[in-house]
C-alpha atoms as a PDB file:
ATOM      1  CA  MET A   1     202.367  87.724 136.447  1.00  0.00           C
ATOM      2  CA  ARG A   2     199.326  85.537 136.999  1.00  0.00           C
ATOM      3  CA  ARG A   3     201.509  82.737 138.421  1.00  0.00           C
ATOM      4  CA  MET A   4     203.072  85.114 140.856  1.00  0.00           C
ATOM      5  CA  VAL A   5     199.673  86.451 142.018  1.00  0.00           C
ATOM      6  CA  THR A   6     198.366  82.838 142.389  1.00  0.00           C
ATOM      7  CA  ALA A   7     201.477  81.873 144.386  1.00  0.00           C
ATOM      8  CA  LEU A   8     200.978  84.974 146.620  1.00  0.00           C
ATOM      9  CA  LEU A   9     197.386  84.092 147.157  1.00  0.00           C
ATOM     10  CA  LEU A  10     198.241  80.431 148.042  1.00  0.00           C
ATOM     11  CA  LEU A  11     200.915  81.583 150.525  1.00  0.00           C
ATOM     12  CA  ALA A  12     198.514  84.100 152.009  1.00  0.00           C
ATOM     13  CA  ALA A  13     195.858  81.426 152.396  1.00  0.00           C
ATOM     14  CA  LEU A  14     198.318  79.142 154.178  1.00  0.00           C
ATOM     15  CA  ALA A  15     199.349  81.953 156.520  1.00  0.00           C
ATOM     16  CA  GLY A  16     195.844  82.648 157.676  1.00  0.00           C
ATOM     17  CA  ALA A  17     192.816  84.729 156.936  1.00  0.00           C
ATOM     18  CA  VAL A  18     192.870  86.403 153.534  1.00  0.00           C
ATOM     19  CA  ASP A  19     190.379  88.991 152.290  1.00  0.00           C
ATOM     20  CA  THR A  20     190.012  90.618 148.880  1.00  0.00           C
ATOM     21  CA  LEU A  21     188.799  94.211 148.276  1.00  0.00           C
ATOM     22  CA  SER A  22     187.842  95.388 144.825  1.00  0.00           C
ATOM     23  CA  VAL A  23     186.995  99.036 144.310  1.00  0.00           C
ATOM     24  CA  SER A  24     186.286 101.066 141.213  1.00  0.00           C
ATOM     25  CA  ILE A  25     188.257 104.134 140.347  1.00  0.00           C
ATOM     26  CA  GLY A  26     187.143 107.429 141.826  1.00  0.00           C
ATOM     27  CA  PRO A  27     187.546 110.862 140.272  1.00  0.00           C
ATOM     28  CA  ILE A  28     189.787 111.096 137.189  1.00  0.00           C
ATOM     29  CA  ALA A  29     191.338 114.326 136.020  1.00  0.00           C
ATOM     30  CA  CYS A  30     193.640 115.268 133.205  1.00  0.00           C
ATOM     31  CA  ILE A  31     196.234 118.021 133.491  1.00  0.00           C
ATOM     32  CA  GLN A  32     197.911 119.361 130.361  1.00  0.00           C
ATOM     33  CA  LYS A  33     200.726 121.563 129.287  1.00  0.00           C
ATOM     34  CA  ASP A  34     202.149 122.098 125.746  1.00  0.00           C
ATOM     35  CA  GLY A  35     200.447 119.093 124.283  1.00  0.00           C
ATOM     36  CA  LEU A  36     201.461 116.733 127.134  1.00  0.00           C
ATOM     37  CA  ALA A  37     199.067 115.251 129.562  1.00  0.00           C
ATOM     38  CA  ARG A  38     199.047 113.436 132.897  1.00  0.00           C
ATOM     39  CA  LEU A  39     196.092 111.575 134.284  1.00  0.00           C
ATOM     40  CA  LEU A  40     195.193 111.587 137.975  1.00  0.00           C
ATOM     41  CA  ALA A  41     192.932 109.100 139.691  1.00  0.00           C
ATOM     42  CA  ARG A  42     191.793 108.175 143.190  1.00  0.00           C
ATOM     43  CA  PHE A  43     190.684 104.910 144.853  1.00  0.00           C
ATOM     44  CA  ASP A  44     188.650 104.748 148.014  1.00  0.00           C
ATOM     45  CA  LEU A  45     190.499 102.362 150.394  1.00  0.00           C
ATOM     46  CA  SER A  46     188.554 103.411 153.533  1.00  0.00           C
ATOM     47  CA  ALA A  47     187.292  99.798 153.813  1.00  0.00           C
ATOM     48  CA  LEU A  48     190.897  98.723 154.679  1.00  0.00           C
ATOM     49  CA  SER A  49     192.046  99.107 158.223  1.00  0.00           C
ATOM     50  CA  GLU A  50     195.339 101.013 158.436  1.00  0.00           C
ATOM     51  CA  SER A  51     196.778  98.048 160.338  1.00  0.00           C
ATOM     52  CA  SER A  52     195.856  95.541 157.575  1.00  0.00           C
ATOM     53  CA  TYR A  53     198.731  93.744 155.789  1.00  0.00           C
ATOM     54  CA  VAL A  54     198.582  94.049 152.009  1.00  0.00           C
ATOM     55  CA  TYR A  55     199.890  90.980 150.216  1.00  0.00           C
ATOM     56  CA  TYR A  56     199.196  92.356 146.679  1.00  0.00           C
ATOM     57  CA  ALA A  57     197.466  95.202 145.075  1.00  0.00           C
ATOM     58  CA  GLN A  58     196.795  95.526 141.337  1.00  0.00           C
ATOM     59  CA  ILE A  59     194.947  97.978 139.049  1.00  0.00           C
ATOM     60  CA  VAL A  60     193.161  95.867 136.450  1.00  0.00           C
ATOM     61  CA  VAL A  61     191.223  97.210 133.450  1.00  0.00           C
ATOM     62  CA  PRO A  62     190.103  95.612 130.202  1.00  0.00           C
ATOM     63  CA  CYS A  63     191.897  97.495 127.448  1.00  0.00           C
ATOM     64  CA  ASP A  64     192.200  97.547 123.662  1.00  0.00           C
ATOM     65  CA  ILE A  65     194.440 100.603 122.895  1.00  0.00           C
ATOM     66  CA  ALA A  66     195.689 100.508 119.341  1.00  0.00           C
ATOM     67  CA  GLU A  67     199.322 101.443 120.153  1.00  0.00           C
ATOM     68  CA  THR A  68     202.035 100.027 122.444  1.00  0.00           C
ATOM     69  CA  THR A  69     202.548 102.273 125.423  1.00  0.00           C
ATOM     70  CA  ALA A  70     204.222 102.271 128.848  1.00  0.00           C
ATOM     71  CA  ILE A  71     202.379 103.682 131.776  1.00  0.00           C
ATOM     72  CA  GLU A  72     204.200 104.851 134.886  1.00  0.00           C
ATOM     73  CA  THR A  73     202.284 105.446 138.099  1.00  0.00           C
ATOM     74  CA  ARG A  74     203.327 107.698 140.977  1.00  0.00           C
ATOM     75  CA  ARG A  75     201.656 108.204 144.378  1.00  0.00           C
ATOM     76  CA  LEU A  76     200.332 111.781 144.658  1.00  0.00           C
ATOM     77  CA  THR A  77     201.358 113.720 147.814  1.00  0.00           C
ATOM     78  CA  THR A  78     199.040 116.739 147.594  1.00  0.00           C
ATOM     79  CA  PRO A  79     195.207 116.810 147.771  1.00  0.00           C
ATOM     80  CA  TRP A  80     193.386 117.818 144.551  1.00  0.00           C
ATOM     81  CA  SER A  81     189.891 118.035 143.228  1.00  0.00           C
ATOM     82  CA  ARG A  82     188.713 117.311 139.671  1.00  0.00           C
ATOM     83  CA  GLU A  83     186.868 120.558 139.467  1.00  0.00           C
ATOM     84  CA  ASN A  84     189.899 122.864 139.799  1.00  0.00           C
ATOM     85  CA  VAL A  85     193.060 120.825 139.234  1.00  0.00           C
ATOM     86  CA  ARG A  86     195.468 122.246 136.591  1.00  0.00           C
ATOM     87  CA  TRP A  87     199.156 121.688 135.619  1.00  0.00           C
ATOM     88  CA  ASP A  88     200.188 124.463 138.006  1.00  0.00           C
ATOM     89  CA  TYR A  89     197.514 124.122 140.745  1.00  0.00           C
ATOM     90  CA  PRO A  90     197.292 123.026 143.596  1.00  0.00           C
ATOM     91  CA  TRP A  91     200.860 121.697 143.372  1.00  0.00           C
ATOM     92  CA  ARG A  92     204.090 123.006 144.808  1.00  0.00           C
ATOM     93  CA  LYS A  93     205.857 121.601 141.737  1.00  0.00           C
ATOM     94  CA  ARG A  94     204.206 122.126 138.317  1.00  0.00           C
ATOM     95  CA  GLY A  95     202.751 118.944 136.862  1.00  0.00           C
ATOM     96  CA  GLY A  96     201.812 117.412 140.261  1.00  0.00           C
ATOM     97  CA  ASP A  97     203.430 116.607 143.605  1.00  0.00           C
ATOM     98  CA  PHE A  98     204.285 112.925 143.764  1.00  0.00           C
ATOM     99  CA  ASP A  99     206.465 110.438 145.546  1.00  0.00           C
ATOM    100  CA  THR A 100     209.745 110.301 143.533  1.00  0.00           C
ATOM    101  CA  THR A 101     211.086 107.205 145.374  1.00  0.00           C
ATOM    102  CA  SER A 102     208.336 104.685 144.412  1.00  0.00           C
ATOM    103  CA  THR A 103     206.917 104.010 141.030  1.00  0.00           C
ATOM    104  CA  ALA A 104     205.091 101.253 139.198  1.00  0.00           C
ATOM    105  CA  LEU A 105     205.575 100.673 135.459  1.00  0.00           C
ATOM    106  CA  PHE A 106     203.515  98.628 133.013  1.00  0.00           C
ATOM    107  CA  VAL A 107     204.168  98.181 129.376  1.00  0.00           C
ATOM    108  CA  TYR A 108     201.065  97.557 127.243  1.00  0.00           C
ATOM    109  CA  ILE A 109     201.772  95.891 123.923  1.00  0.00           C
ATOM    110  CA  ALA A 110     199.016  96.459 121.389  1.00  0.00           C
ATOM    111  CA  GLY A 111     197.573  93.192 120.087  1.00  0.00           C
ATOM    112  CA  ARG A 112     199.235  91.096 122.735  1.00  0.00           C
ATOM    113  CA  HIS A 113     197.519  92.232 125.971  1.00  0.00           C
ATOM    114  CA  LYS A 114     193.802  92.289 126.526  1.00  0.00           C
ATOM    115  CA  SER A 115     193.990  94.260 129.780  1.00  0.00           C
ATOM    116  CA  LEU A 116     196.177  96.510 131.775  1.00  0.00           C
ATOM    117  CA  ALA A 117     197.297  94.986 135.078  1.00  0.00           C
ATOM    118  CA  MET A 118     199.554  97.260 137.121  1.00  0.00           C
ATOM    119  CA  ASP A 119     201.138  96.183 140.369  1.00  0.00           C
ATOM    120  CA  VAL A 120     200.558  99.016 142.828  1.00  0.00           C
ATOM    121  CA  THR A 121     201.248  97.052 146.028  1.00  0.00           C
ATOM    122  CA  GLN A 122     203.851  99.515 147.353  1.00  0.00           C
ATOM    123  CA  HIS A 123     201.556 102.478 146.694  1.00  0.00           C
ATOM    124  CA  VAL A 124     198.704 100.833 148.713  1.00  0.00           C
ATOM    125  CA  ARG A 125     201.120  99.884 151.487  1.00  0.00           C
ATOM    126  CA  ASP A 126     202.363 103.462 151.603  1.00  0.00           C
ATOM    127  CA  TRP A 127     198.795 104.846 151.841  1.00  0.00           C
ATOM    128  CA  LEU A 128     198.053 102.511 154.802  1.00  0.00           C
ATOM    129  CA  ARG A 129     201.368 103.303 156.548  1.00  0.00           C
ATOM    130  CA  LEU A 130     200.806 107.081 156.127  1.00  0.00           C
ATOM    131  CA  GLY A 131     197.124 106.882 157.059  1.00  0.00           C
ATOM    132  CA  HIS A 132     193.918 107.231 155.011  1.00  0.00           C
ATOM    133  CA  GLY A 133     194.156 110.992 155.188  1.00  0.00           C
ATOM    134  CA  HIS A 134     197.223 110.758 152.821  1.00  0.00           C
ATOM    135  CA  ASN A 135     195.522 108.816 149.986  1.00  0.00           C
ATOM    136  CA  TYR A 136     195.514 111.481 147.295  1.00  0.00           C
ATOM    137  CA  GLY A 137     195.510 108.958 144.411  1.00  0.00           C
ATOM    138  CA  LEU A 138     197.883 108.182 141.611  1.00  0.00           C
ATOM    139  CA  LEU A 139     199.469 110.116 138.744  1.00  0.00           C
ATOM    140  CA  PHE A 140     199.661 108.224 135.438  1.00  0.00           C
ATOM    141  CA  LYS A 141     202.303 109.382 132.946  1.00  0.00           C
ATOM    142  CA  ASP A 142     204.157 108.131 129.881  1.00  0.00           C
ATOM    143  CA  GLY A 143     206.810 105.595 130.994  1.00  0.00           C
ATOM    144  CA  MET A 144     208.601 105.114 127.710  1.00  0.00           C
ATOM    145  CA  THR A 145     210.045 108.572 127.190  1.00  0.00           C
ATOM    146  CA  ARG A 146     211.576 111.316 129.286  1.00  0.00           C
ATOM    147  CA  GLU A 147     208.673 113.492 128.429  1.00  0.00           C
ATOM    148  CA  VAL A 148     206.696 114.850 131.385  1.00  0.00           C
ATOM    149  CA  GLY A 149     203.387 113.353 130.159  1.00  0.00           C
ATOM    150  CA  PHE A 150     201.545 111.538 127.395  1.00  0.00           C
ATOM    151  CA  ARG A 151     201.631 113.094 123.901  1.00  0.00           C
ATOM    152  CA  ARG A 152     198.717 110.907 122.848  1.00  0.00           C
ATOM    153  CA  PHE A 153     196.414 109.978 125.679  1.00  0.00           C
ATOM    154  CA  GLN A 154     193.062 109.899 123.895  1.00  0.00           C
ATOM    155  CA  GLY A 155     191.333 106.775 124.945  1.00  0.00           C
ATOM    156  CA  LEU A 156     193.479 106.180 127.997  1.00  0.00           C
ATOM    157  CA  SER A 157     191.245 108.234 130.327  1.00  0.00           C
ATOM    158  CA  GLU A 158     188.241 106.253 129.083  1.00  0.00           C
ATOM    159  CA  VAL A 159     190.168 102.982 129.616  1.00  0.00           C
ATOM    160  CA  LEU A 160     191.144 104.114 133.088  1.00  0.00           C
ATOM    161  CA  ALA A 161     187.563 104.963 133.922  1.00  0.00           C
ATOM    162  CA  LYS A 162     186.848 101.142 133.812  1.00  0.00           C
ATOM    163  CA  ALA A 163     189.667 100.273 136.227  1.00  0.00           C
ATOM    164  CA  ARG A 164     189.381  98.442 139.459  1.00  0.00           C
ATOM    165  CA  LEU A 165     191.811  98.264 142.228  1.00  0.00           C
ATOM    166  CA  ARG A 166     192.019  94.721 143.661  1.00  0.00           C
ATOM    167  CA  VAL A 167     193.750  94.288 147.004  1.00  0.00           C
ATOM    168  CA  VAL A 168     194.537  90.944 148.650  1.00  0.00           C
ATOM    169  CA  TYR A 169     195.132  91.532 152.330  1.00  0.00           C
ATOM    170  CA  ARG A 170     195.006  90.176 155.867  1.00  0.00           C
ATOM    171  CA  ALA A 171     192.830  92.169 158.187  1.00  0.00           C
ATOM    172  CA  ALA A 172     194.197  93.232 161.490  1.00  0.00           C
ATOM    173  CA  SER A 173     193.829  90.624 164.216  1.00  0.00           C
ATOM    174  CA  VAL A 174     191.194  91.432 166.782  1.00  0.00           C
ATOM    175  CA  GLN A 175     190.912  89.768 170.190  1.00  0.00           C
ATOM    176  CA  VAL A 176     187.320  88.777 171.065  1.00  0.00           C
ATOM    177  CA  HIS A 177     186.458  88.203 174.746  1.00  0.00           C
ATOM    178  CA  ASP A 178     183.482  86.519 176.262  1.00  0.00           C
ATOM    179  CA  GLU A 179     181.616  87.962 179.231  1.00  0.00           C
ATOM    180  CA  ASP A 180     184.245  86.599 181.653  1.00  0.00           C
ATOM    181  CA  GLY A 181     187.093  88.218 179.692  1.00  0.00           C
ATOM    182  CA  ALA A 182     188.475  84.984 178.211  1.00  0.00           C
ATOM    183  CA  ALA A 183     189.687  85.132 174.645  1.00  0.00           C
ATOM    184  CA  GLN A 184     187.247  83.201 172.365  1.00  0.00           C
ATOM    185  CA  SER A 185     189.164  83.277 169.089  1.00  0.00           C
ATOM    186  CA  PRO A 186     192.753  84.305 168.217  1.00  0.00           C
ATOM    187  CA  SER A 187     191.627  86.145 165.057  1.00  0.00           C
ATOM    188  CA  VAL A 188     188.416  87.460 163.672  1.00  0.00           C
ATOM    189  CA  ARG A 189     188.243  88.777 160.158  1.00  0.00           C
ATOM    190  CA  SER A 190     186.392  91.957 159.337  1.00  0.00           C
ATOM    191  CA  PRO A 191     183.647  91.446 156.764  1.00  0.00           C
ATOM    192  CA  HIS A 192     184.231  93.006 153.295  1.00  0.00           C
END
């Protein structure tokens, strides 16, 4: 995985201006039903222009969970707030409204991995394509079983609270003109 990220960064650097955004996780909520749980989390991507090109996006968090687990992420499609979210509210479908066509899966092997690193590039690209008003966050659920959530999630919400979303992207090109209207530079990067 590291080699792939390094290769992507090198290609992006060769292609032109590359920026990196690193944001901490926003609100985290847990919804439960019959001993099963799903975690919800949001990331503030307002610093990214909707016309930016995302090369790679990854959730990274140091982790030392005692058991092997698979974590599946889905892009949420309905707004929610940590104060009043439940298994059956505010969703149209119990357990959360999420994109069923796009998923990211990471398998954490206890004793082998020192951190979780989940590729969420497609989720971030979808948020930018749909517009910032549609960034309702991610749903995290058990990816190893057909169960609707985690049976044992203790510790995972604390781990997720330390997460950062790292995005490698190219800012939208902006034409800069001098007083006479002549273009000064073909591309100016926005500061981040």
